[in-house]
């Protein structure tokens, strides 16, 4: 029952976010989004093709794999280790 009541508001919010219109969270996260785009060199108006998407996906997974591997490798030396 709660889902039926929330659905119009959530649908309207998601529609505004995905179409780029003003929404309630824009003042909060708008600056952070622009800063992230600027620091990573991403043009938010440019479409991504399958080659750049695949490269980005593989690099993200590689960086995540290396990060988790390093955490596990140095787990004994990290702070808050109960052992």
N, C-alpha and C. Protein backbone atom coordinates (compact mmCIF):
# COMPACT_ATOMS: atom_id res chain seq x y z
N UNK A 1 0.81 -1.18 0.00
CA UNK A 1 0.00 0.00 0.00
C UNK A 1 0.87 1.26 0.00
N UNK A 2 1.96 1.22 0.75
CA UNK A 2 2.86 2.37 0.79
C UNK A 2 3.47 2.63 -0.58
N UNK A 3 3.77 1.56 -1.30
CA UNK A 3 4.36 1.71 -2.63
C UNK A 3 3.41 2.46 -3.57
N UNK A 4 2.15 2.18 -3.48
CA UNK A 4 1.17 2.85 -4.35
C UNK A 4 1.08 4.34 -4.03
N UNK A 5 1.30 4.72 -2.78
CA UNK A 5 1.24 6.12 -2.41
C UNK A 5 2.50 6.88 -2.80
N UNK A 6 3.62 6.21 -2.75
CA UNK A 6 4.91 6.86 -3.03
C UNK A 6 5.21 6.91 -4.52
N UNK A 7 4.63 6.01 -5.27
CA UNK A 7 4.94 5.87 -6.69
C UNK A 7 4.85 7.16 -7.50
N UNK A 8 3.81 7.97 -7.39
CA UNK A 8 3.76 9.20 -8.21
C UNK A 8 4.89 10.18 -7.88
N UNK A 9 5.21 10.32 -6.60
CA UNK A 9 6.26 11.25 -6.20
C UNK A 9 7.64 10.74 -6.64
N UNK A 10 7.90 9.47 -6.43
CA UNK A 10 9.18 8.90 -6.82
C UNK A 10 9.33 8.88 -8.34
N UNK A 11 8.26 8.58 -9.06
CA UNK A 11 8.30 8.59 -10.52
C UNK A 11 8.56 9.98 -11.08
N UNK A 12 7.95 10.98 -10.49
CA UNK A 12 8.16 12.36 -10.91
C UNK A 12 9.60 12.78 -10.64
N UNK A 13 10.11 12.42 -9.46
CA UNK A 13 11.48 12.75 -9.12
C UNK A 13 12.47 12.09 -10.08
N UNK A 14 12.28 10.80 -10.35
CA UNK A 14 13.18 10.09 -11.25
C UNK A 14 13.11 10.65 -12.66
N UNK A 15 11.94 11.02 -13.09
CA UNK A 15 11.78 11.62 -14.42
C UNK A 15 12.56 12.93 -14.52
N UNK A 16 12.48 13.75 -13.49
CA UNK A 16 13.21 15.02 -13.49
C UNK A 16 14.72 14.80 -13.46
N UNK A 17 15.18 13.81 -12.70
CA UNK A 17 16.62 13.53 -12.63
C UNK A 17 17.13 13.06 -13.97
N UNK A 18 16.44 12.11 -14.60
CA UNK A 18 16.93 11.52 -15.84
C UNK A 18 16.80 12.44 -17.04
N UNK A 19 15.91 13.41 -16.99
CA UNK A 19 15.78 14.35 -18.11
C UNK A 19 16.60 15.61 -17.90
N UNK A 20 17.20 15.78 -16.72
CA UNK A 20 18.07 16.92 -16.47
C UNK A 20 17.33 18.17 -16.02
N UNK A 21 16.08 18.05 -15.63
CA UNK A 21 15.32 19.20 -15.14
C UNK A 21 15.65 19.46 -13.68
N UNK A 22 15.22 20.62 -13.17
CA UNK A 22 15.45 20.94 -11.76
C UNK A 22 14.68 19.99 -10.87
N UNK A 23 15.34 19.53 -9.81
CA UNK A 23 14.69 18.68 -8.83
C UNK A 23 15.20 19.05 -7.45
N UNK A 24 14.65 18.43 -6.43
CA UNK A 24 14.91 18.84 -5.06
C UNK A 24 16.35 18.57 -4.61
N UNK A 25 17.03 17.62 -5.18
CA UNK A 25 18.39 17.27 -4.75
C UNK A 25 19.46 18.00 -5.56
N UNK A 26 19.07 18.77 -6.55
CA UNK A 26 20.04 19.47 -7.40
C UNK A 26 20.91 20.44 -6.62
N UNK A 27 20.37 21.26 -5.70
CA UNK A 27 21.25 22.15 -4.95
C UNK A 27 22.25 21.39 -4.06
N UNK A 28 21.87 20.21 -3.62
CA UNK A 28 22.73 19.44 -2.72
C UNK A 28 23.85 18.76 -3.49
N UNK A 29 23.49 18.03 -4.55
CA UNK A 29 24.47 17.22 -5.26
C UNK A 29 24.90 17.79 -6.60
N UNK A 30 24.32 18.90 -7.03
CA UNK A 30 24.66 19.49 -8.32
C UNK A 30 26.11 19.93 -8.40
N UNK A 31 26.57 20.60 -7.36
CA UNK A 31 27.97 21.06 -7.34
C UNK A 31 28.94 19.89 -7.29
N UNK A 32 28.59 18.88 -6.51
CA UNK A 32 29.45 17.69 -6.42
C UNK A 32 29.53 16.98 -7.77
N UNK A 33 28.42 16.91 -8.47
CA UNK A 33 28.40 16.28 -9.78
C UNK A 33 29.26 17.06 -10.77
N UNK A 34 29.14 18.38 -10.78
CA UNK A 34 29.95 19.20 -11.68
C UNK A 34 31.43 19.10 -11.36
N UNK A 35 31.76 19.08 -10.07
CA UNK A 35 33.16 18.92 -9.66
C UNK A 35 33.71 17.57 -10.09
N UNK A 36 32.92 16.53 -9.96
CA UNK A 36 33.35 15.20 -10.37
C UNK A 36 33.56 15.16 -11.88
N UNK A 37 32.65 15.72 -12.64
CA UNK A 37 32.81 15.75 -14.09
C UNK A 37 34.07 16.53 -14.49
N UNK A 38 34.29 17.66 -13.85
CA UNK A 38 35.44 18.49 -14.18
C UNK A 38 36.75 17.79 -13.83
N UNK A 39 36.80 17.15 -12.65
CA UNK A 39 38.04 16.51 -12.21
C UNK A 39 38.37 15.25 -13.01
N UNK A 40 37.37 14.56 -13.53
CA UNK A 40 37.62 13.36 -14.32
C UNK A 40 37.68 13.63 -15.82
N UNK A 41 37.35 14.85 -16.24
CA UNK A 41 37.43 15.20 -17.65
C UNK A 41 36.28 14.65 -18.48
N UNK A 42 35.12 14.47 -17.87
CA UNK A 42 33.96 13.91 -18.56
C UNK A 42 33.08 15.06 -19.04
N UNK A 43 32.64 14.96 -20.29
CA UNK A 43 31.68 15.93 -20.82
C UNK A 43 30.28 15.33 -20.62
N UNK A 44 29.44 15.92 -19.77
CA UNK A 44 28.14 15.32 -19.48
C UNK A 44 27.17 15.34 -20.67
N UNK A 45 27.45 16.17 -21.66
CA UNK A 45 26.56 16.24 -22.83
C UNK A 45 26.97 15.29 -23.94
N UNK A 46 28.10 14.63 -23.81
CA UNK A 46 28.61 13.75 -24.86
C UNK A 46 28.09 12.33 -24.65
N UNK A 47 27.62 11.72 -25.72
CA UNK A 47 27.16 10.33 -25.66
C UNK A 47 28.35 9.39 -25.62
N UNK A 48 28.18 8.27 -24.98
CA UNK A 48 29.24 7.26 -24.87
C UNK A 48 28.97 6.15 -25.88
N UNK A 49 30.01 5.76 -26.62
CA UNK A 49 29.84 4.62 -27.53
C UNK A 49 30.23 3.34 -26.79
N UNK A 50 30.08 2.20 -27.44
CA UNK A 50 30.30 0.94 -26.77
C UNK A 50 31.77 0.72 -26.43
N UNK A 51 32.68 1.27 -27.23
CA UNK A 51 34.10 1.08 -26.96
C UNK A 51 34.55 1.85 -25.71
N UNK A 52 34.13 3.09 -25.59
CA UNK A 52 34.51 3.87 -24.41
C UNK A 52 33.81 3.33 -23.16
N UNK A 53 32.58 2.86 -23.30
CA UNK A 53 31.87 2.29 -22.16
C UNK A 53 32.57 1.02 -21.68
N UNK A 54 32.96 0.16 -22.62
CA UNK A 54 33.64 -1.09 -22.27
C UNK A 54 34.98 -0.80 -21.61
N UNK A 55 35.73 0.16 -22.14
CA UNK A 55 37.00 0.52 -21.55
C UNK A 55 36.81 1.05 -20.13
N UNK A 56 35.84 1.92 -19.93
CA UNK A 56 35.57 2.47 -18.60
C UNK A 56 35.15 1.39 -17.62
N UNK A 57 34.32 0.47 -18.07
CA UNK A 57 33.87 -0.63 -17.22
C UNK A 57 35.03 -1.52 -16.81
N UNK A 58 35.90 -1.86 -17.75
CA UNK A 58 37.05 -2.72 -17.45
C UNK A 58 38.03 -2.01 -16.52
N UNK A 59 38.27 -0.72 -16.73
CA UNK A 59 39.18 0.01 -15.86
C UNK A 59 38.61 0.14 -14.44
N UNK A 60 37.32 0.38 -14.33
CA UNK A 60 36.69 0.47 -13.02
C UNK A 60 36.82 -0.86 -12.27
N UNK A 61 36.58 -1.97 -12.96
CA UNK A 61 36.71 -3.28 -12.33
C UNK A 61 38.15 -3.60 -11.98
N UNK A 62 39.09 -3.19 -12.82
CA UNK A 62 40.50 -3.44 -12.53
C UNK A 62 40.94 -2.66 -11.29
N UNK A 63 40.56 -1.39 -11.22
CA UNK A 63 40.92 -0.57 -10.06
C UNK A 63 40.27 -1.15 -8.79
N UNK A 64 39.04 -1.56 -8.88
CA UNK A 64 38.37 -2.17 -7.73
C UNK A 64 39.03 -3.46 -7.30
N UNK A 65 39.43 -4.29 -8.26
CA UNK A 65 40.10 -5.55 -7.95
C UNK A 65 41.43 -5.29 -7.25
N UNK A 66 42.21 -4.35 -7.76
CA UNK A 66 43.50 -4.03 -7.14
C UNK A 66 43.30 -3.48 -5.74
N UNK A 67 42.31 -2.61 -5.55
CA UNK A 67 42.03 -2.04 -4.24
C UNK A 67 41.66 -3.12 -3.22
N UNK A 68 40.76 -4.02 -3.59
CA UNK A 68 40.35 -5.10 -2.68
C UNK A 68 41.51 -6.05 -2.43
N UNK A 69 42.31 -6.34 -3.44
CA UNK A 69 43.48 -7.20 -3.28
C UNK A 69 44.46 -6.60 -2.28
N UNK A 70 44.71 -5.30 -2.41
CA UNK A 70 45.64 -4.65 -1.49
C UNK A 70 45.09 -4.62 -0.06
N UNK A 71 43.80 -4.43 0.10
CA UNK A 71 43.20 -4.48 1.43
C UNK A 71 43.41 -5.86 2.05
N UNK A 72 43.18 -6.91 1.28
CA UNK A 72 43.35 -8.26 1.81
C UNK A 72 44.81 -8.58 2.05
N UNK A 73 45.69 -8.06 1.21
CA UNK A 73 47.11 -8.33 1.36
C UNK A 73 47.67 -7.69 2.63
N UNK A 74 47.25 -6.47 2.92
CA UNK A 74 47.76 -5.75 4.09
C UNK A 74 46.79 -5.76 5.26
N UNK A 75 45.88 -6.71 5.28
CA UNK A 75 44.84 -6.74 6.32
C UNK A 75 45.43 -6.87 7.72
N UNK A 76 46.51 -7.61 7.87
CA UNK A 76 47.10 -7.80 9.19
C UNK A 76 47.73 -6.51 9.72
N UNK A 77 48.08 -5.61 8.85
CA UNK A 77 48.77 -4.38 9.26
C UNK A 77 47.85 -3.15 9.31
N UNK A 78 46.61 -3.32 8.96
CA UNK A 78 45.68 -2.19 8.95
C UNK A 78 45.22 -1.86 10.36
N UNK A 79 44.84 -0.59 10.60
CA UNK A 79 44.37 -0.22 11.94
C UNK A 79 43.05 -0.92 12.28
N UNK A 80 42.76 -0.99 13.56
CA UNK A 80 41.56 -1.62 14.10
C UNK A 80 41.50 -3.13 13.84
N UNK A 81 42.66 -3.76 13.69
CA UNK A 81 42.74 -5.20 13.50
C UNK A 81 42.71 -5.85 14.88
N UNK A 82 41.70 -6.67 15.19
CA UNK A 82 41.63 -7.26 16.53
C UNK A 82 42.70 -8.33 16.77
N UNK A 83 43.28 -8.88 15.73
CA UNK A 83 44.30 -9.92 15.92
C UNK A 83 45.61 -9.25 16.24
